[in-house]
Protein backbone atom coordinates (compact mmCIF):
# COMPACT_ATOMS: atom_id res chain seq x y z
CA MET A 1 105.23 277.59 80.68
CA TYR A 2 107.17 275.40 78.30
CA LYS A 3 107.15 271.73 77.43
CA ILE A 4 110.93 271.40 77.89
CA THR A 5 113.68 273.17 79.81
CA VAL A 6 117.16 272.69 78.37
CA ALA A 7 119.85 273.29 81.01
CA ILE A 8 123.34 274.48 80.09
CA CYS A 9 126.08 275.24 82.61
CA CYS A 10 129.09 277.04 81.25
CA TYR A 11 132.43 277.37 83.00
CA LYS A 12 135.46 278.28 80.86
CA GLN A 13 133.79 276.67 77.82
CA LYS A 14 132.55 279.78 76.00
CA ASP A 15 134.44 278.84 72.84
CA TRP A 16 132.12 275.83 72.43
CA LEU A 17 128.87 277.49 73.55
CA HIS A 18 127.98 278.98 70.15
CA ARG A 19 128.00 275.52 68.53
CA CYS A 20 125.85 274.15 71.34
CA LEU A 21 123.26 276.91 70.96
CA ARG A 22 123.28 276.64 67.18
CA SER A 23 122.25 273.00 67.46
CA LEU A 24 119.39 273.94 69.82
CA SER A 25 118.23 276.70 67.48
CA SER A 26 117.84 274.05 64.75
CA GLN A 27 115.41 271.81 66.64
CA THR A 28 112.41 270.46 64.75
CA ILE A 29 109.94 271.26 67.52
CA PRO A 30 108.37 274.75 67.64
CA LYS A 31 110.43 277.47 69.29
CA ASN A 32 107.74 278.14 71.90
CA ASP A 33 107.77 274.52 73.10
CA PHE A 34 111.11 274.87 74.89
CA GLU A 35 113.35 277.22 76.80
CA VAL A 36 117.12 277.23 77.16
CA VAL A 37 118.42 278.31 80.56
CA ILE A 38 122.15 278.97 80.83
CA VAL A 39 124.12 279.44 84.02
CA ASN A 40 127.43 281.23 83.61
CA ASP A 41 129.54 279.90 86.48
CA ASP A 42 132.58 282.08 85.73
CA PRO A 43 132.15 285.55 87.28
CA CYS A 44 135.10 286.84 85.20
CA GLU A 45 133.46 285.91 81.88
CA ARG A 46 130.52 287.46 80.06
CA LEU A 47 128.27 285.36 77.84
CA ASP A 48 125.62 287.97 77.07
CA TYR A 49 126.85 288.68 73.57
CA ILE A 50 126.74 284.98 72.64
CA CYS A 51 123.23 284.50 74.02
CA ASP A 52 121.99 287.68 72.34
CA ASN A 53 122.84 286.16 68.95
CA PHE A 54 120.19 283.47 69.49
CA LYS A 55 117.32 285.40 71.06
CA ASP A 56 115.42 285.51 67.77
CA PHE A 57 115.63 281.73 67.37
CA ILE A 58 115.18 280.25 70.86
CA ASN A 59 113.73 281.30 74.20
CA ILE A 60 116.90 281.85 76.16
CA ARG A 61 117.62 282.99 79.71
CA LEU A 62 121.06 283.69 81.15
CA ILE A 63 121.85 283.46 84.86
CA ASN A 64 125.22 284.90 85.92
CA ASN A 65 126.63 283.49 89.14
CA GLU A 66 128.31 286.11 91.31
CA GLU A 67 130.85 283.46 92.35
CA ASN A 68 131.90 280.07 91.07
CA LEU A 69 129.35 277.65 92.57
CA GLY A 70 130.26 274.45 90.76
CA LEU A 71 128.16 272.28 88.48
CA PRO A 72 125.58 270.68 90.82
CA LYS A 73 124.67 273.99 92.50
CA SER A 74 124.39 275.67 89.10
CA LEU A 75 122.17 272.89 87.76
CA ASN A 76 119.94 273.22 90.81
CA LYS A 77 119.61 276.94 90.13
CA ILE A 78 118.29 276.07 86.69
CA LEU A 79 115.91 273.48 88.10
CA SER A 80 114.59 276.02 90.59
CA ALA A 81 113.97 278.50 87.75
CA SER A 82 112.65 275.91 85.27
CA LEU A 83 109.31 276.45 83.52
CA GLY A 84 109.30 273.15 81.66
CA LYS A 85 107.36 269.90 82.09
CA TYR A 86 110.48 268.02 81.02
CA PHE A 87 114.12 268.74 81.89
CA VAL A 88 117.24 267.84 79.89
CA ARG A 89 120.86 268.80 80.34
CA VAL A 90 123.17 269.62 77.45
CA ASP A 91 126.76 270.44 78.34
CA SER A 92 128.13 273.69 76.90
CA ASP A 93 130.90 271.95 74.95
CA ASP A 94 128.52 269.40 73.39
CA TYR A 95 125.78 269.66 70.77
CA VAL A 96 122.72 267.71 69.61
CA SER A 97 120.93 266.53 66.49
CA SER A 98 117.98 268.53 65.15
CA ASP A 99 115.48 265.85 66.28
CA PHE A 100 116.93 265.56 69.80
CA LEU A 101 114.16 267.37 71.69
CA TYR A 102 111.38 266.06 69.42
CA MET A 103 112.26 262.38 69.78
CA LEU A 104 112.90 262.40 73.52
CA SER A 105 109.82 264.45 74.39
CA THR A 106 107.60 262.44 72.03
CA PHE A 107 108.69 259.24 73.73
CA LEU A 108 107.75 260.62 77.14
CA ASP A 109 104.46 261.99 75.82
CA ILE A 110 103.51 258.49 74.69
CA ASN A 111 104.94 256.43 77.54
CA LEU A 112 104.52 258.69 80.55
CA SER A 113 102.60 257.14 83.40
CA ALA A 114 99.51 258.81 84.81
CA SER A 115 101.18 258.73 88.23
CA PRO A 116 104.77 259.92 88.82
CA ARG A 117 105.69 256.58 90.35
CA VAL A 118 106.10 253.48 88.25
CA SER A 119 103.94 251.30 90.52
CA GLY A 120 105.19 248.14 88.83
CA GLU A 121 104.05 249.11 85.34
CA ASP A 122 106.80 248.10 82.91
CA THR A 123 105.53 250.34 80.10
CA PHE A 124 105.64 253.63 81.99
CA TYR A 125 108.72 255.83 82.11
CA GLN A 126 109.75 259.10 83.75
CA GLY A 127 112.97 259.49 81.78
CA VAL A 128 114.49 258.72 78.39
CA ALA A 129 118.14 258.69 77.29
CA CYS A 130 119.58 258.51 73.78
CA ASP A 131 122.77 256.99 72.44
CA TYR A 132 125.63 259.35 71.67
CA PHE A 133 128.65 259.91 69.48
CA LYS A 134 131.97 260.91 70.94
CA VAL A 135 133.38 263.60 68.65
CA GLY A 136 136.72 265.34 68.46
CA PRO A 137 137.43 269.07 68.89
CA THR A 138 136.41 269.82 65.29
CA GLY A 139 133.34 267.58 65.32
CA GLU A 140 134.84 264.46 63.74
CA VAL A 141 133.04 261.32 64.91
CA LEU A 142 135.32 259.15 67.02
CA SER A 143 132.96 256.42 68.24
CA ARG A 144 129.34 255.53 68.97
CA HIS A 145 128.16 254.62 72.48
CA SER A 146 125.08 253.12 74.11
CA SER A 147 123.47 255.20 76.82
CA GLU A 148 122.42 251.95 78.50
CA LYS A 149 125.87 250.34 78.61
CA GLU A 150 127.90 253.55 79.03
CA PRO A 151 125.64 256.16 80.65
CA VAL A 152 126.67 259.81 80.76
CA ALA A 153 125.22 262.69 82.76
CA CYS A 154 123.78 264.62 79.82
CA GLY A 155 121.35 263.86 77.00
CA ILE A 156 118.73 262.41 79.37
CA MET A 157 115.24 263.89 79.50
CA PHE A 158 113.43 263.64 82.84
CA THR A 159 110.01 264.68 84.01
CA TYR A 160 110.34 267.70 86.24
CA GLU A 161 108.14 266.14 88.94
CA SER A 162 110.39 263.10 89.28
CA LEU A 163 113.45 265.30 89.83
CA CYS A 164 111.55 267.30 92.43
CA GLU A 165 110.72 264.13 94.32
CA ILE A 166 114.31 262.85 94.45
CA GLY A 167 115.64 266.26 95.51
CA PHE A 168 117.47 267.50 92.38
CA TYR A 169 121.28 267.20 92.23
CA ASP A 170 123.28 266.38 95.35
CA GLU A 171 125.53 269.41 95.78
CA ASN A 172 128.10 267.32 97.65
CA PHE A 173 129.05 265.65 94.36
CA LYS A 174 131.48 268.06 92.72
CA MET A 175 132.05 265.36 90.09
CA ARG A 176 129.81 262.46 89.04
CA GLU A 177 126.76 264.51 90.02
CA GLY A 178 124.85 263.09 87.07
CA HIS A 179 125.69 259.50 87.96
CA ASP A 180 124.52 260.09 91.52
CA LEU A 181 121.27 261.58 90.20
CA LEU A 182 120.74 258.53 87.97
CA SER A 183 121.43 256.18 90.86
CA ARG A 184 118.75 257.82 93.01
CA PHE A 185 116.34 258.18 90.08
CA ASN A 186 116.56 254.49 89.19
CA LYS A 187 115.47 253.48 92.68
CA SER A 188 111.99 254.87 92.03
CA TYR A 189 111.56 255.43 88.29
CA LYS A 190 112.30 253.94 84.91
CA ILE A 191 114.48 255.33 82.11
CA TYR A 192 114.14 254.08 78.56
CA ASN A 193 117.31 253.93 76.48
CA LEU A 194 116.56 255.09 72.94
CA PRO A 195 119.15 253.44 70.66
CA VAL A 196 119.53 256.47 68.38
CA PRO A 197 122.70 258.65 68.61
CA LEU A 198 121.15 262.11 68.98
CA TYR A 199 123.82 263.56 71.28
CA LYS A 200 127.38 264.63 70.40
CA TYR A 201 129.79 264.34 73.34
CA ARG A 202 132.87 266.40 72.56
CA MET A 203 136.29 265.15 73.62
CA HIS A 204 138.98 267.78 74.20
CA ASP A 205 141.84 268.65 76.53
CA ASN A 206 139.61 270.49 79.02
CA ASN A 207 137.01 267.79 79.64
CA ARG A 208 136.16 267.65 83.35
CA THR A 209 136.47 263.87 83.31
CA ASN A 210 140.17 264.18 82.37
CA ASN A 211 140.74 264.79 86.09
CA THR A 212 140.98 261.09 86.88
CA THR A 213 141.88 261.65 90.54
CA GLU A 214 138.62 263.50 91.20
CA VAL A 215 136.63 261.04 89.09
CA LYS A 216 137.95 258.11 91.14
CA LYS A 217 137.24 259.98 94.37
CA TYR A 218 133.57 260.42 93.53
CA ASP A 219 133.27 256.98 91.94
CA LYS A 220 134.31 255.64 95.33
CA LYS A 221 131.66 257.82 96.98
CA LEU A 222 129.10 256.32 94.59
CA GLY A 223 130.28 252.81 95.49
CA VAL A 224 131.67 252.08 92.04
CA ASN A 225 134.39 249.43 91.87
CA ILE A 226 137.60 251.10 90.65
C-alpha cells in the first residue's frame, strides 16, 4: 500500500512523458510513499523503455490498453488498480514542482475529517488543489492561475474513499471529465485551494482543449453557459 497514487494517462504524448516522470522522481517525499500508475492508451505506441528509465527512482506501473479507450475509461482503470490512500492526476504533457506531493498530502493529513463526509464541518476536507503556471512547449512560464477561479482537471489530490463514493469518472464525458468529477465531488465534499503554483500546465499545439467544438459540446452537457 502507498500513501499516494499518481495517475498518468498517455495518448500520443510520449515526447513529454519523460519530463513528467522526471519531475515525479524529484519529489521530496520518500519514494515508498507513492506509486505512479501510467495507462498507455495508444496500442500502436510502446512506453516501456521510458518507464524503465525511472524504475530505480519511483514505484512505477505501466498498463497498456489493447485498444484506445479514451481518458475517463483509462483513469478509471488506474483508480481500480490504485493502492494509494490519496489519488492525484498529472497529465503526461505536464510536470510538477518537487514539493507537489508533499504539500498536498500534508494538507490532507492535517485537515482530513474522521468521517468521509463533511457533515457541516468547515475545517474538514477530502480534496486539495494547488495553483498552476501555464508554460510553453519549452517550459517558459506564460501566466499564473488560481485553481479556485480557473479550475483544471489535474493537480487535485483526492481521498480515494471519496472518489469511490461518487463513482469515479463518468465515462460518458469524453471531454471535461475532470470538471464533471469536480461538480459531483463538490456536492458532498470540500476542496481546499492552496494558493501555491506547484503544477505546470503545458500549452502546445496538441492540447486536447484546443478542440473547441468538443469542449463546447461537453460544457453544454455540464450545464455551463457558453
